[in-house]
């Protein structure tokens, strides 16, 4: 922890940093399904990622779906395309995935 910062706050900051890094990596592999774009569908998917000690993705599953199977599937596909999250330091990670049309 930084000087004067308590260990609990430092741990929360570390978790948030890992989640942001995971979201950046996932964004590199995420594609908005064309059928969802055409239908104007937006949503949020929460993925539960299970990792091994080296950060390799073992499993990705929908913890909370968007209500739209195409978005849920796109989120899962992007997670598997990442393959690993080096330096994740965790075995399980909940990762929100937002699908928003501009």
Protein backbone atom coordinates (compact mmCIF):
# COMPACT_ATOMS: atom_id res chain seq x y z
CA UNK A 1 0.00 0.00 0.00
CA UNK A 2 0.95 3.61 -0.50
CA UNK A 3 2.08 5.52 2.62
CA UNK A 4 -0.96 6.20 4.78
CA UNK A 5 -3.23 3.88 2.74
CA UNK A 6 -4.80 0.98 4.58
CA UNK A 7 -4.35 -2.56 3.26
CA UNK A 8 -8.09 -3.00 2.56
CA UNK A 9 -8.20 0.06 0.32
CA UNK A 10 -5.03 -1.05 -1.45
CA UNK A 11 -6.59 -4.48 -2.11
CA UNK A 12 -9.73 -2.86 -3.55
CA UNK A 13 -7.61 -0.67 -5.82
CA UNK A 14 -5.69 -3.74 -7.02
CA UNK A 15 -8.91 -5.61 -7.82
CA UNK A 16 -10.25 -2.60 -9.73
CA UNK A 17 -6.99 -2.31 -11.69
CA UNK A 18 -7.09 -6.01 -12.62
CA UNK A 19 -10.70 -5.66 -13.76
CA UNK A 20 -9.89 -2.62 -15.92
CA UNK A 21 -6.97 -4.48 -17.51
CA UNK A 22 -9.22 -7.48 -18.22
CA UNK A 23 -11.89 -5.24 -19.75
CA UNK A 24 -9.30 -3.58 -22.01
CA UNK A 25 -8.07 -6.95 -23.21
CA UNK A 26 -11.61 -8.24 -23.73
CA UNK A 27 -12.47 -5.12 -25.78
CA UNK A 28 -9.78 -6.12 -28.29
CA UNK A 29 -11.76 -9.31 -29.04
CA UNK A 30 -15.34 -8.09 -28.65
CA UNK A 31 -17.57 -7.74 -31.70
CA UNK A 32 -21.11 -6.39 -31.59
CA UNK A 33 -23.29 -9.02 -33.30
CA UNK A 34 -24.60 -7.56 -36.59
CA UNK A 35 -28.10 -8.88 -35.91
CA UNK A 36 -28.13 -7.04 -32.56
CA UNK A 37 -26.96 -3.82 -34.24
CA UNK A 38 -29.66 -4.15 -36.90
CA UNK A 39 -32.32 -4.69 -34.22
CA UNK A 40 -31.01 -1.85 -32.01
CA UNK A 41 -30.33 -4.25 -29.13
CA UNK A 42 -28.18 -3.10 -26.22
CA UNK A 43 -27.37 -4.85 -22.97
CA UNK A 44 -24.92 -5.76 -20.26
CA UNK A 45 -23.51 -9.21 -19.63
CA UNK A 46 -21.61 -10.20 -16.48
CA UNK A 47 -19.14 -12.98 -17.16
CA UNK A 48 -17.64 -15.27 -14.55
CA UNK A 49 -14.11 -16.10 -15.68
CA UNK A 50 -12.23 -18.99 -14.10
CA UNK A 51 -8.45 -18.82 -14.45
CA UNK A 52 -5.56 -21.08 -13.55
CA UNK A 53 -2.58 -19.89 -11.50
CA UNK A 54 -0.82 -18.58 -14.65
CA UNK A 55 -3.86 -16.55 -15.73
CA UNK A 56 -4.97 -18.92 -18.48
CA UNK A 57 -8.72 -18.94 -19.05
CA UNK A 58 -10.22 -22.25 -18.00
CA UNK A 59 -13.89 -21.34 -18.30
CA UNK A 60 -16.11 -18.40 -19.13
CA UNK A 61 -19.77 -18.44 -18.26
CA UNK A 62 -22.61 -15.95 -18.08
CA UNK A 63 -23.15 -14.96 -14.45
CA UNK A 64 -25.87 -12.46 -15.39
CA UNK A 65 -27.21 -12.33 -18.92
CA UNK A 66 -28.29 -9.38 -21.02
CA UNK A 67 -31.59 -10.96 -21.96
CA UNK A 68 -30.33 -11.27 -25.53
CA UNK A 69 -28.62 -14.56 -26.46
CA UNK A 70 -26.59 -12.94 -29.27
CA UNK A 71 -24.98 -10.48 -26.84
CA UNK A 72 -24.34 -13.18 -24.23
CA UNK A 73 -22.70 -15.40 -26.87
CA UNK A 74 -20.55 -12.53 -28.19
CA UNK A 75 -19.29 -11.81 -24.66
CA UNK A 76 -18.40 -15.49 -24.09
CA UNK A 77 -16.67 -15.71 -27.49
CA UNK A 78 -14.58 -12.62 -26.70
CA UNK A 79 -13.57 -14.06 -23.32
CA UNK A 80 -12.34 -17.29 -24.89
CA UNK A 81 -10.50 -15.32 -27.58
CA UNK A 82 -8.48 -13.56 -24.83
CA UNK A 83 -7.10 -16.95 -23.78
CA UNK A 84 -5.26 -15.57 -20.76
CA UNK A 85 -5.02 -12.63 -18.40
CA UNK A 86 -1.38 -12.38 -17.34
CA UNK A 87 -0.89 -10.91 -13.90
CA UNK A 88 -4.55 -11.38 -12.98
CA UNK A 89 -3.56 -12.87 -9.63
CA UNK A 90 -7.05 -14.28 -9.11
CA UNK A 91 -8.80 -17.57 -9.80
CA UNK A 92 -12.23 -16.09 -10.53
CA UNK A 93 -13.18 -12.73 -11.90
CA UNK A 94 -16.59 -11.18 -12.59
CA UNK A 95 -16.27 -9.06 -15.71
CA UNK A 96 -19.04 -6.73 -16.91
CA UNK A 97 -19.38 -6.44 -20.70
CA UNK A 98 -21.38 -3.51 -22.05
CA UNK A 99 -23.01 -3.44 -25.46
CA UNK A 100 -24.08 0.11 -26.27
CA UNK A 101 -24.95 1.56 -29.65
CA UNK A 102 -23.64 5.06 -30.38
